[in-house]
Protein backbone atom coordinates (compact mmCIF):
# COMPACT_ATOMS: atom_id res chain seq x y z
CA MET A 1 0.11 -0.09 -0.12
CA LYS A 2 1.28 3.66 -0.83
CA VAL A 3 1.52 5.51 2.54
CA ARG A 4 2.03 9.12 2.60
CA LEU A 5 3.34 10.41 6.19
CA ALA A 6 2.23 14.00 7.69
CA LYS A 7 5.63 15.94 7.87
CA THR A 8 4.41 17.21 11.33
CA ALA A 9 3.37 13.67 12.73
CA GLY A 10 4.83 13.12 16.03
CA PHE A 11 6.24 14.54 19.27
CA CYS A 12 5.28 18.29 19.56
CA MET A 13 8.17 20.49 21.46
CA GLY A 14 6.77 20.76 24.74
CA VAL A 15 6.24 16.97 25.07
CA ARG A 16 9.58 16.29 23.63
CA LEU A 17 11.38 18.52 26.29
CA ALA A 18 8.97 17.16 28.86
CA MET A 19 10.27 13.37 27.47
CA GLU A 20 13.84 14.36 27.37
CA LYS A 21 13.83 15.64 30.85
CA VAL A 22 12.19 12.61 32.49
CA LEU A 23 14.16 10.20 30.57
CA ALA A 24 17.40 11.87 31.54
CA GLU A 25 16.50 11.56 35.28
CA ALA A 26 15.26 8.04 34.75
CA ASN A 27 18.59 7.09 33.28
CA LYS A 28 20.67 8.77 36.25
CA ALA A 29 18.95 6.28 38.48
CA GLN A 30 19.41 8.45 41.56
CA GLY A 31 16.28 7.66 43.71
CA PRO A 32 12.61 7.50 42.78
CA ILE A 33 10.88 9.80 39.83
CA TYR A 34 7.53 10.92 39.76
CA THR A 35 5.43 12.56 37.49
CA TYR A 36 2.37 14.75 38.80
CA GLY A 37 -0.28 13.45 36.54
CA PRO A 38 0.06 11.23 33.56
CA LEU A 39 3.30 13.11 31.58
CA ILE A 40 1.41 13.03 28.21
CA HIS A 41 -1.79 11.51 27.08
CA ASN A 42 -0.52 8.34 25.60
CA ARG A 43 -0.92 4.98 27.23
CA GLN A 44 2.06 3.22 25.69
CA VAL A 45 4.38 5.88 26.58
CA MET A 46 3.03 6.08 30.30
CA GLU A 47 3.71 2.04 30.18
CA LEU A 48 7.39 2.68 28.93
CA LEU A 49 8.16 5.27 31.57
CA GLU A 50 6.93 2.71 34.53
CA SER A 51 9.11 -0.05 33.00
CA LYS A 52 12.08 2.66 33.55
CA GLY A 53 10.60 3.48 37.53
CA VAL A 54 8.95 6.53 36.74
CA THR A 55 5.57 6.60 38.47
CA ALA A 56 2.58 8.87 37.71
CA VAL A 57 1.21 10.14 41.05
CA GLU A 58 -2.08 12.54 41.66
CA ASP A 59 -1.30 12.65 45.38
CA VAL A 60 2.15 13.46 46.91
CA SER A 61 0.69 14.11 50.50
CA GLY A 62 2.91 10.60 51.28
CA LEU A 63 5.88 11.46 49.05
CA ARG A 64 9.10 12.77 50.89
CA GLU A 65 12.11 11.94 48.92
CA GLY A 66 12.71 11.59 44.86
CA THR A 67 12.26 13.77 42.11
CA LEU A 68 9.16 15.40 41.20
CA VAL A 69 8.15 16.40 37.46
CA ILE A 70 5.33 18.61 36.68
CA ARG A 71 3.82 17.55 33.45
CA ALA A 72 3.55 19.46 30.07
CA HIS A 73 0.08 20.85 30.56
CA GLY A 74 1.06 22.82 33.39
CA ILE A 75 -0.54 23.06 37.15
CA PRO A 76 -1.95 26.07 38.90
CA PRO A 77 -0.10 27.93 40.94
CA ASP A 78 -1.33 26.52 44.06
CA ALA A 79 -0.24 23.42 43.07
CA HIS A 80 2.90 24.26 42.86
CA GLU A 81 3.28 25.53 46.63
CA THR A 82 1.79 22.35 47.69
CA LEU A 83 4.53 20.21 45.51
CA LYS A 84 7.15 22.53 47.07
CA ALA A 85 6.34 21.60 50.69
CA THR A 86 7.03 18.29 50.19
CA GLY A 87 10.73 18.21 49.85
CA LEU A 88 10.82 16.71 46.75
CA ARG A 89 13.14 17.88 44.14
CA ILE A 90 10.59 19.36 41.50
CA ILE A 91 11.52 19.88 37.65
CA ASN A 92 9.33 21.67 35.76
CA ALA A 93 8.59 20.28 32.25
CA THR A 94 5.79 22.55 31.59
CA CYS A 95 5.74 23.30 27.73
CA PRO A 96 6.88 26.90 26.89
CA ARG A 97 3.91 27.84 25.06
CA VAL A 98 1.46 26.50 28.07
CA ALA A 99 3.50 28.93 30.14
CA ARG A 100 3.25 31.78 27.78
CA VAL A 101 -0.58 31.12 27.88
CA GLN A 102 -0.66 31.09 31.77
CA ALA A 103 1.63 34.45 31.84
CA ILE A 104 -0.78 36.33 29.60
CA ILE A 105 -3.72 35.21 32.04
CA ARG A 106 -1.99 36.39 34.85
CA SER A 107 -0.77 39.60 33.44
CA HIS A 108 -4.42 40.42 32.28
CA THR A 109 -6.77 39.23 35.10
CA ARG A 110 -4.52 41.55 37.42
CA LYS A 111 -5.86 44.70 35.69
CA GLY A 112 -9.35 43.76 36.03
CA CYS A 113 -9.71 41.55 33.05
CA ALA A 114 -12.05 38.29 33.24
CA ALA A 115 -10.12 35.65 31.60
CA VAL A 116 -11.86 33.51 28.77
CA ILE A 117 -10.38 30.00 27.72
CA VAL A 118 -11.72 28.49 24.80
CA GLY A 119 -11.01 24.57 25.42
CA ASP A 120 -12.12 21.55 27.19
CA ARG A 121 -13.25 22.29 30.92
CA ASP A 122 -11.64 18.70 32.03
CA HIS A 123 -8.25 19.06 29.85
CA ALA A 124 -5.22 19.22 32.38
CA GLU A 125 -3.96 22.11 30.81
CA VAL A 126 -7.39 24.36 31.04
CA ILE A 127 -7.43 23.13 34.48
CA GLY A 128 -4.11 24.56 35.17
CA LEU A 129 -4.82 27.64 33.16
CA GLN A 130 -7.72 28.56 35.17
CA GLY A 131 -5.30 28.88 38.38
CA TYR A 132 -3.44 31.94 36.99
CA ALA A 133 -6.77 33.90 36.66
CA GLU A 134 -7.11 36.37 39.44
CA GLY A 135 -10.67 36.98 38.97
CA ARG A 136 -13.62 35.58 36.89
CA THR A 137 -12.62 32.67 34.34
CA TYR A 138 -14.75 31.31 31.97
CA VAL A 139 -14.22 28.18 29.92
CA ILE A 140 -15.98 27.69 26.53
CA ASP A 141 -15.95 25.36 23.47
CA SER A 142 -18.60 26.72 21.21
CA VAL A 143 -20.01 29.71 19.73
CA GLN A 144 -23.03 29.27 21.90
CA ASP A 145 -21.15 29.33 25.43
CA VAL A 146 -20.18 33.03 24.10
CA GLU A 147 -23.91 34.20 25.18
CA ASP A 148 -23.07 33.06 28.93
CA LEU A 149 -20.06 35.85 29.17
CA PRO A 150 -20.17 39.30 30.29
CA GLN A 151 -20.71 42.00 28.39
CA ASP A 152 -20.15 44.83 30.75
CA GLN A 153 -16.40 43.53 31.54
CA ASP A 154 -13.03 43.73 29.97
CA LEU A 155 -12.25 40.19 28.66
CA VAL A 156 -8.88 38.44 27.67
CA VAL A 157 -9.49 35.49 25.45
CA VAL A 158 -7.09 32.70 24.84
CA ALA A 159 -7.00 29.07 23.70
CA GLN A 160 -5.76 25.95 24.98
CA THR A 161 -2.98 25.11 22.92
CA THR A 162 -4.35 22.28 21.32
CA GLN A 163 -7.57 23.70 20.30
CA ASP A 164 -9.07 23.23 16.70
CA ALA A 165 -8.13 26.70 14.95
CA ARG A 166 -11.10 27.15 12.91
CA ILE A 167 -13.67 26.75 16.11
CA TYR A 168 -11.27 29.00 18.02
CA GLU A 169 -11.65 31.54 15.08
CA GLU A 170 -15.22 31.46 14.83
CA ILE A 171 -15.85 31.90 18.62
CA THR A 172 -13.62 34.75 19.07
CA GLN A 173 -15.02 36.45 15.95
CA VAL A 174 -18.47 36.35 17.82
CA ILE A 175 -16.66 37.71 21.03
CA ARG A 176 -15.51 40.48 19.34
CA GLU A 177 -19.00 41.32 18.27
CA ARG A 178 -20.79 41.32 21.26
CA ASN A 179 -17.69 43.01 23.30
CA PRO A 180 -15.47 45.17 20.91
CA SER A 181 -13.01 45.67 23.88
CA ALA A 182 -12.12 42.15 24.25
CA THR A 183 -8.24 41.53 24.05
CA VAL A 184 -7.78 38.29 21.88
CA PHE A 185 -4.55 36.36 21.58
CA ASP A 186 -3.80 33.76 19.38
CA THR A 187 -2.33 31.05 21.95
CA ILE A 188 -2.70 27.85 19.69
CA CYS A 189 0.64 26.15 19.13
CA ASP A 190 1.98 26.14 15.62
CA ALA A 191 2.45 22.44 16.02
CA THR A 192 -1.57 22.27 16.20
CA HIS A 193 -2.27 24.65 13.69
CA ASN A 194 0.22 22.82 11.07
CA ARG A 195 -0.82 19.55 11.93
CA GLN A 196 -4.59 20.62 11.43
CA ASP A 197 -3.71 22.36 8.23
CA GLU A 198 -1.84 19.39 6.88
CA VAL A 199 -4.80 16.96 7.26
CA ARG A 200 -6.75 19.34 5.24
CA SER A 201 -4.10 19.50 2.96
CA LEU A 202 -4.07 15.94 2.37
CA ALA A 203 -7.74 15.38 1.42
CA GLY A 204 -7.24 15.85 -2.25
CA GLN A 205 -4.12 13.45 -1.99
CA VAL A 206 -5.17 10.20 -0.29
CA ASP A 207 -7.87 7.91 -0.13
CA GLY A 208 -7.69 8.01 3.45
CA LEU A 209 -6.19 8.92 6.91
CA VAL A 210 -4.99 7.19 9.93
CA VAL A 211 -4.41 9.14 12.99
CA VAL A 212 -1.98 7.76 15.42
CA GLY A 213 -2.29 8.42 19.41
CA GLY A 214 -4.19 8.17 22.49
CA TYR A 215 -7.56 7.97 22.64
CA HIS A 216 -7.79 10.53 25.48
CA SER A 217 -5.06 12.79 23.96
CA GLY A 218 -7.29 16.10 22.80
CA ASN A 219 -4.86 17.28 19.91
CA THR A 220 -4.85 13.57 18.63
CA LYS A 221 -8.88 13.39 18.77
CA ARG A 222 -9.21 16.58 16.82
CA LEU A 223 -6.92 15.59 14.14
CA ALA A 224 -9.34 12.72 13.63
CA GLN A 225 -12.23 15.49 13.76
CA VAL A 226 -10.78 17.55 11.15
CA SER A 227 -10.26 14.50 8.79
CA ARG A 228 -13.52 13.50 9.20
CA GLU A 229 -14.83 17.15 8.38
CA VAL A 230 -12.83 17.50 4.94
CA GLY A 231 -14.25 13.91 4.22
CA LEU A 232 -11.85 11.70 4.48
CA PRO A 233 -12.29 7.82 5.78
CA THR A 234 -10.80 8.23 9.37
CA PHE A 235 -9.17 5.63 11.28
CA HIS A 236 -7.93 6.59 14.61
CA VAL A 237 -5.61 4.08 16.32
CA GLU A 238 -3.35 3.48 19.32
CA THR A 239 -1.03 0.99 17.98
CA GLU A 240 -0.45 -1.24 14.82
CA LYS A 241 -2.43 -3.72 15.95
CA GLU A 242 -5.66 -1.93 15.84
CA LEU A 243 -5.45 -1.39 12.03
CA ASP A 244 -8.56 -2.49 10.40
CA ARG A 245 -6.81 -4.29 7.56
CA GLN A 246 -10.11 -5.14 5.64
CA ALA A 247 -11.43 -1.60 5.41
CA LEU A 248 -7.88 -0.22 4.51
CA SER A 249 -7.20 -2.55 1.69
CA THR A 250 -9.87 -1.19 -0.67
CA LEU A 251 -8.20 2.19 -0.38
CA GLY A 252 -5.22 2.86 -3.02
CA SER A 253 -3.24 5.41 -0.66
CA VAL A 254 -3.39 6.41 2.81
CA GLY A 255 -1.79 9.25 4.70
CA ILE A 256 -0.97 8.93 8.40
CA THR A 257 -0.61 11.58 10.97
CA ALA A 258 -0.25 11.42 14.47
CA GLY A 259 -0.93 13.54 17.99
CA ALA A 260 1.87 15.56 19.66
CA SER A 261 2.44 12.73 22.22
CA THR A 262 2.94 10.14 20.00
CA PRO A 263 6.27 8.75 19.91
CA ASN A 264 8.24 7.99 16.63
CA TRP A 265 8.47 4.03 17.33
CA MET A 266 4.91 3.69 17.36
CA ILE A 267 4.38 5.73 14.20
CA ARG A 268 7.16 3.84 12.69
CA GLU A 269 4.86 0.47 13.48
CA VAL A 270 1.78 1.65 11.96
CA VAL A 271 3.56 3.15 8.72
CA ARG A 272 5.27 -0.56 8.16
CA GLY A 273 1.98 -2.20 9.21
CA LEU A 274 -0.12 -0.14 6.68
CA GLU A 275 2.78 -0.92 4.04
CA ARG A 276 2.11 -4.76 4.62
CA ILE A 277 -1.29 -4.25 3.51
CA GLN A 278 -2.15 -5.12 0.08
CA SER A 279 -4.26 -2.53 -1.62
CA ARG A 280 -6.38 -2.61 -4.80
CA LYS A 281 -3.77 -0.86 -6.68
CA ASP A 282 -0.85 -3.12 -5.45
CA THR A 283 0.96 -5.08 -8.29
CA ARG A 284 2.40 -8.40 -7.52
CA THR A 285 5.95 -7.14 -9.05
CA GLY A 286 5.62 -4.24 -6.39
CA GLN A 287 5.06 -6.77 -3.66
CA TRP A 288 7.96 -8.38 -4.29
CA VAL A 289 10.14 -5.62 -4.72
CA ARG A 290 9.31 -4.48 -1.38
CA LEU A 291 9.48 -8.00 0.44
CA VAL A 292 13.13 -8.09 -1.12
CA LEU A 293 14.38 -4.90 -0.05
CA ARG A 294 12.72 -5.52 3.51
CA PHE A 295 15.07 -8.55 3.64
CA LEU A 296 18.02 -7.27 2.12
CA ILE A 297 17.74 -4.38 4.85
CA PHE A 298 16.84 -6.16 7.88
CA SER A 299 19.75 -8.98 7.27
CA ASN A 300 22.26 -6.17 6.71
CA LEU A 301 22.81 -7.43 3.38
CA TRP A 302 21.92 -4.27 1.76
CA VAL A 303 24.59 -2.59 3.82
CA ALA A 304 27.18 -5.36 3.12
CA LEU A 305 26.76 -4.68 -0.44
CA ALA A 306 27.02 -0.67 -0.01
CA VAL A 307 30.51 -1.75 1.82
CA PHE A 308 31.75 -3.54 -0.94
CA SER A 309 30.66 -0.74 -3.52
CA LEU A 310 32.32 2.05 -1.01
CA THR A 311 35.61 -0.10 -0.82
CA HIS A 312 35.78 -0.13 -4.79
CA ALA A 313 35.45 3.52 -4.79
CA ALA A 314 38.22 4.08 -2.05
CA VAL A 315 40.73 1.65 -4.09
CA LEU A 316 40.45 4.00 -7.18
CA LEU A 317 40.57 6.79 -5.19
CA ALA A 318 43.86 6.14 -3.40
CA GLY A 319 45.21 4.77 -7.08
CA ARG A 320 45.58 0.95 -6.42
CA PRO A 321 44.87 -1.72 -8.58
CA PRO A 322 41.18 -2.64 -8.15
CA ASP A 323 40.85 -6.21 -6.63
CA LEU A 324 38.10 -8.32 -4.98
CA VAL A 325 39.75 -9.47 -1.93
CA HIS A 326 39.93 -6.18 0.09
CA PRO A 327 36.57 -5.36 -0.56
CA THR A 328 35.14 -8.61 0.42
CA LEU A 329 37.31 -8.59 3.74
CA ALA A 330 35.71 -5.31 4.27
CA THR A 331 32.26 -6.32 3.76
CA LEU A 332 32.58 -9.50 5.92
CA TYR A 333 33.88 -7.78 8.86
CA ILE A 334 31.42 -4.90 9.07
CA TRP A 335 28.52 -7.22 8.17
CA ALA A 336 29.50 -9.48 10.80
CA MET A 337 30.20 -6.57 13.62
CA ARG A 338 26.67 -5.47 12.38
CA VAL A 339 24.93 -8.71 13.19
CA LEU A 340 27.01 -9.73 16.22
CA ASN A 341 26.82 -6.43 17.91
CA ARG A 342 22.81 -6.19 17.43
CA PHE A 343 22.60 -9.60 19.56
CA LEU A 344 25.27 -8.18 22.25
CA ASP A 345 23.00 -5.07 22.62
CA ARG A 346 19.66 -5.04 21.43
CA GLY A 347 18.43 -2.12 23.61
CA ALA A 348 17.43 0.39 21.45
CA SER A 349 16.09 -1.69 18.70
CA THR A 350 12.89 -2.56 19.90
CA TYR A 351 11.72 1.08 20.11
CA ASN A 352 13.88 2.19 16.88
CA GLU A 353 13.23 -0.84 14.70
CA PRO A 354 10.80 -2.84 16.14
CA ASP A 355 10.15 -4.90 12.79
CA ARG A 356 14.05 -5.55 12.54
CA ALA A 357 14.24 -6.75 16.41
CA HIS A 358 11.29 -9.28 15.33
CA PHE A 359 13.25 -10.10 12.67
CA TYR A 360 16.59 -10.89 14.51
CA LYS A 361 14.67 -12.50 17.11
CA THR A 362 12.94 -15.01 14.51
CA HIS A 363 16.37 -15.90 12.74
CA ARG A 364 18.43 -15.65 15.80
CA THR A 365 20.62 -18.84 15.43
CA VAL A 366 20.87 -18.54 11.56
CA LEU A 367 22.16 -15.01 11.90
CA ILE A 368 24.72 -15.87 14.75
CA VAL A 369 26.11 -18.74 13.03
CA CYS A 370 26.37 -16.52 9.81
CA GLY A 371 28.19 -13.74 11.57
CA ILE A 372 30.76 -16.02 13.09
CA GLY A 373 31.42 -17.56 9.95
CA ALA A 374 31.93 -14.32 8.39
CA VAL A 375 34.30 -13.28 11.14
CA ALA A 376 35.96 -16.90 10.41
CA VAL A 377 36.27 -16.02 6.68
CA ALA A 378 37.51 -12.61 7.04
CA LEU A 379 40.63 -13.69 9.11
CA ALA A 380 41.07 -16.51 6.81
CA LEU A 381 41.45 -14.18 4.01
CA ALA A 382 43.50 -11.77 6.13
CA TRP A 383 46.10 -14.60 6.97
CA ARG A 384 46.32 -15.15 3.26
CA LEU A 385 47.62 -11.63 2.71
CA GLY A 386 50.15 -11.50 5.51
CA MET A 387 50.69 -11.63 9.33
CA ALA A 388 50.43 -7.65 9.43
CA VAL A 389 46.78 -7.72 7.88
CA LEU A 390 45.47 -10.54 10.12
CA ALA A 391 46.88 -8.99 13.13
CA SER A 392 45.10 -5.87 12.13
CA VAL A 393 41.78 -7.70 11.37
CA ALA A 394 41.84 -9.34 14.45
CA GLY A 395 42.50 -6.26 16.34
CA VAL A 396 39.34 -4.54 14.70
CA ILE A 397 37.07 -7.22 15.21
CA ALA A 398 38.25 -7.46 19.18
CA LEU A 399 37.60 -3.94 19.09
CA GLY A 400 34.27 -4.06 17.51
CA ILE A 401 32.92 -6.75 19.63
CA ALA A 402 34.15 -5.14 23.04
CA TYR A 403 32.29 -1.94 21.88
CA SER A 404 29.06 -3.51 23.08
CA ILE A 405 30.72 -5.50 26.22
CA PRO A 406 30.67 -4.11 29.89
CA ILE A 407 34.41 -3.33 30.27
CA MET A 408 34.49 -0.83 33.23
CA PRO A 409 34.74 -2.89 36.56
CA VAL A 410 31.32 -2.89 38.31
CA ARG A 411 32.68 -0.83 41.59
CA ARG A 412 33.63 1.94 39.06
CA ARG A 413 30.39 1.86 37.09
CA GLU A 414 28.08 3.80 39.19
CA ARG A 415 30.42 6.40 39.74
CA TRP A 416 31.60 6.81 35.74
CA ARG A 417 28.29 5.84 34.45
CA THR A 418 30.26 4.08 32.04
CA ALA A 419 30.47 0.14 31.58
CA LYS A 420 30.87 0.11 27.58
CA ILE A 421 32.69 2.08 25.15
CA LYS A 422 29.40 2.62 23.58
CA ASP A 423 28.53 4.67 26.74
CA ILE A 424 30.42 7.34 26.05
CA PRO A 425 28.38 10.32 24.71
CA GLY A 426 28.90 10.62 20.84
CA SER A 427 31.01 7.52 20.43
CA LYS A 428 28.40 5.64 18.40
CA THR A 429 28.88 7.47 15.16
CA PHE A 430 32.68 8.19 15.54
CA ALA A 431 33.47 4.29 16.41
CA GLU A 432 31.55 3.10 13.48
CA SER A 433 33.15 5.55 10.94
CA LEU A 434 36.59 4.99 12.32
CA ALA A 435 36.41 1.21 12.08
CA TRP A 436 34.90 1.48 8.19
CA GLY A 437 37.83 4.27 7.42
CA VAL A 438 40.59 1.36 8.83
CA VAL A 439 39.37 -1.67 7.44
CA ILE A 440 38.63 -0.15 3.88
CA ALA A 441 41.29 2.28 3.40
CA VAL A 442 44.13 1.34 5.83
CA ILE A 443 44.19 -2.12 6.06
CA PRO A 444 44.87 -2.63 2.41
CA LEU A 445 48.31 -0.37 2.63
CA LEU A 446 49.77 -3.28 5.03
CA GLU A 447 49.55 -5.96 2.34
CA ASN A 448 50.54 -3.46 -0.71
CA GLY A 449 53.19 -1.18 0.51
CA SER A 450 53.87 0.53 -2.68
CA ALA A 451 50.45 2.69 -2.09
CA SER A 452 50.90 6.22 -1.64
CA TRP A 453 50.27 7.42 1.90
CA PRO A 454 48.88 11.09 1.20
CA ALA A 455 46.30 8.74 -1.42
CA THR A 456 45.58 6.64 1.45
CA GLY A 457 44.91 9.40 3.81
CA ILE A 458 42.55 10.90 1.44
CA ALA A 459 40.94 7.72 0.87
CA PHE A 460 40.48 7.14 4.77
CA PHE A 461 39.18 10.59 5.22
CA PHE A 462 36.75 10.37 2.68
CA VAL A 463 35.52 7.26 3.95
CA LEU A 464 35.55 8.50 7.40
CA SER A 465 33.27 11.47 6.08
CA VAL A 466 30.60 9.77 4.32
CA VAL A 467 30.29 7.03 6.82
CA ASN A 468 30.14 9.74 9.72
CA VAL A 469 27.32 11.49 8.03
CA ARG A 470 25.11 8.10 7.11
CA SER A 471 25.83 6.88 11.06
CA GLY A 472 24.49 10.54 11.95
CA LEU A 473 21.92 10.28 10.00
CA PHE A 474 20.84 7.27 11.55
CA ASP A 475 21.64 8.22 14.72
CA ILE A 476 19.32 10.99 14.32
CA PHE A 477 16.27 8.51 13.29
CA GLN A 478 16.68 6.58 16.31
CA ALA A 479 17.10 9.30 18.91
CA GLN A 480 13.93 8.41 20.51
CA GLY A 481 14.75 4.94 21.19
CA ASP A 482 18.20 5.51 22.18
CA LEU A 483 17.02 8.12 24.78
CA ILE A 484 14.86 5.69 26.09
CA VAL A 485 17.87 3.20 27.00
CA GLY A 486 20.32 5.77 27.74
CA VAL A 487 22.58 5.53 24.86
CA GLU A 488 24.01 9.34 24.32
CA THR A 489 24.80 9.57 20.34
CA LEU A 490 25.50 12.96 18.95
CA PRO A 491 21.91 13.93 18.64
CA ILE A 492 21.14 13.59 21.89
CA THR A 493 24.37 15.37 23.20
CA ILE A 494 24.30 18.34 20.69
CA GLY A 495 20.31 18.18 19.46
CA GLU A 496 19.00 17.61 16.15
CA LYS A 497 19.74 20.81 14.82
CA ARG A 498 23.53 21.07 15.59
CA THR A 499 23.82 17.56 14.34
CA LEU A 500 22.61 18.02 10.86
CA ASP A 501 24.75 21.50 10.93
CA LEU A 502 27.97 19.25 11.64
CA LEU A 503 27.12 16.72 8.88
CA LYS A 504 26.74 19.39 6.28
CA GLY A 505 29.90 20.98 7.57
CA ILE A 506 31.42 17.22 7.38
CA LEU A 507 30.24 17.13 3.28
CA ALA A 508 31.88 20.41 2.49
CA GLY A 509 34.87 19.77 4.22
CA VAL A 510 35.56 16.37 2.30
CA GLY A 511 34.20 18.26 -0.80
CA VAL A 512 37.01 20.66 -0.31
CA LEU A 513 39.60 17.66 0.39
CA LEU A 514 38.39 15.62 -3.00
CA LEU A 515 38.59 18.89 -5.11
CA GLY A 516 42.04 20.01 -3.61
CA GLY A 517 43.51 16.69 -3.48
CA GLY A 518 42.83 16.15 -7.21
CA ILE A 519 44.15 19.68 -8.21
CA ALA A 520 47.63 18.71 -6.30
CA GLY A 521 47.85 15.31 -7.61
CA LEU A 522 47.66 13.50 -4.39
CA VAL A 523 44.82 11.23 -5.40
CA THR A 524 43.71 10.08 -9.04
CA PRO A 525 41.20 12.06 -10.86
CA PHE A 526 38.45 10.06 -9.77
CA ALA A 527 38.36 12.41 -6.62
CA TYR A 528 36.22 14.96 -9.03
CA VAL A 529 33.84 12.03 -9.85
CA LEU A 530 33.25 11.53 -6.22
CA LEU A 531 32.21 14.98 -5.53
CA VAL A 532 28.65 13.33 -6.96
CA VAL A 533 28.43 11.25 -4.02
CA VAL A 534 29.07 14.47 -1.61
CA LEU A 535 26.31 16.11 -3.59
CA SER A 536 23.78 13.07 -3.19
CA PHE A 537 24.56 12.91 0.37
CA SER A 538 23.58 16.73 0.38
CA VAL A 539 20.38 15.74 -1.37
CA THR A 540 19.36 13.01 1.46
CA LEU A 541 20.15 15.39 4.50
CA ARG A 542 17.67 18.09 2.60
CA ALA A 543 15.24 15.08 1.93
CA TYR A 544 15.17 14.32 5.58
CA GLU A 545 15.15 18.13 6.95
CA LYS A 546 11.79 18.62 4.39
CA ARG A 547 10.28 15.34 5.22
CA TRP A 548 10.10 14.26 1.88
CA LEU A 549 10.99 10.78 3.33
CA TYR A 550 9.98 9.46 6.27
CA PRO A 551 12.78 7.23 8.82
CA GLY A 552 12.13 3.91 7.37
CA LEU A 553 13.20 1.17 4.79
CA ARG A 554 12.87 3.63 1.75
CA LEU A 555 15.34 6.47 3.62
CA GLU A 556 17.54 3.82 4.88
CA ALA A 557 17.71 2.37 1.08
CA MET A 558 18.13 5.96 -0.04
CA VAL A 559 21.12 6.42 2.55
CA GLU A 560 22.72 3.08 1.75
CA GLY A 561 22.36 3.98 -1.94
CA ASN A 562 24.63 6.65 -1.47
CA LEU A 563 27.49 4.23 -1.12
CA PHE A 564 26.53 2.10 -3.86
CA LEU A 565 26.65 5.38 -6.25
CA ALA A 566 30.32 5.45 -5.26
CA GLY A 567 30.74 1.83 -6.30
CA LEU A 568 29.06 2.36 -9.44
CA LEU A 569 31.02 5.56 -10.33
CA GLY A 570 34.03 3.35 -9.87
CA LEU A 571 32.52 1.01 -12.56
CA LEU A 572 31.83 3.88 -14.79
CA TRP A 573 35.11 5.15 -13.91
CA GLN A 574 37.29 2.24 -15.09
CA ALA A 575 35.09 1.46 -18.13
CA PHE A 576 35.76 4.94 -19.78
CA SER A 577 39.31 5.65 -18.67
């Protein structure tokens, strides 16, 4: 089935910040952690937090130690005072957009205005907002309710941040007609505006819409309501298991959006569930292509073939005669490490890639045997190339396995919070790219002493750079799952935007390196051709930034496709030079 994902689907800024604060505390494991009420309206996320020792409480009277997190919806001022009196360590995770509405109400009601809140009376955010009004407060949710508002008092009008934009516009227009002196603020969150507008824009582009999110989430229910209002067959689900496959199979294309409290891993599960549904427009060829691509990616054979292609390109760049042995050696090593490390450290894959995690669980024995076999064959090939190559390959294999195995003594782990190499913040991207660079560009030099060190150095930095960009992108895709299990990757350490800026800088740097190396004659003129790969990686970054493609099999295939492109350019270079 053809699936089109809304660009704005998933966590909004406020929910993301609240989740990051709670998970950061949970990963420290320094005493009990509580949230004052459910952190967000998503049952699956709350169950996840409970599994990490985070408890939602409504009554704090019996609590005397630990950390208490104020949820994104905010709370009334008197509740703040109650929490302070407990002696608990308080972390305020109120959404900045909600805090702005609180400030508006407080400021204007102190001047004598009555506050009008357009929203759901029983919603946690609205309950919290009412506490900031120093005077009369009115909560309304329809045009008919406007008649109950006073006409002889100054009014300040605000909206619950997840309110329907069009309903709010209709209500405020009537309020202005009855009370021209009313001060109206547009306090609906941009994320809410954008989600609702995007649902409306999808009406003429898809045959139906799936809305993913909690059944008790106000903003998610409004997305489903907007979808029905524009005439789209609408399916509101919490998980992939609730998809109405029979009804969906009658549609040719389906859009998918998600509420602001829906995590990426749940959206991915639903997307993949939809992609497996055979629609009336599906062809048998298309089904087979998707199945084959899914198998190649899940088994890591896709990335293994990409490694072979990249190694061939690096050989040509360094001016060494191409062969099959070195690309095969690099392919076996990297494939084996990816397979075996997934079994050694399965933490985040459950959330980041649930389908792949299931694939590995189902084919566990075969994959482990093949991984060990690949290591054995790689060592045999290295032995044939000489003792220096054998020692180097054995060393990188040992380091690759050690990456996911605890090496810090137990008595020191609590103090340093580092048991494995992977626990070092930002180490994941650097370690992977360094290993690829050594195996692809440096180890062949040990067997062929006539190779040029400058050329090998440029080839090494080319490989290091493109793999850094590749791994950095995957780290961005997997940030939420990594955060849950406490893996401090680069996007978690410095943020997604800075990571993307860093990756762009790396691409610019390697582009200059290839151009300069070619002009100086340090590498073969093939360096100019490889600028196409730099450009294609730049397009991939752009595709992700603009949400032209959502993290999944297609985007993963596109990322690895850049490495295939390097090998293809190498073959063309050989054919025409």
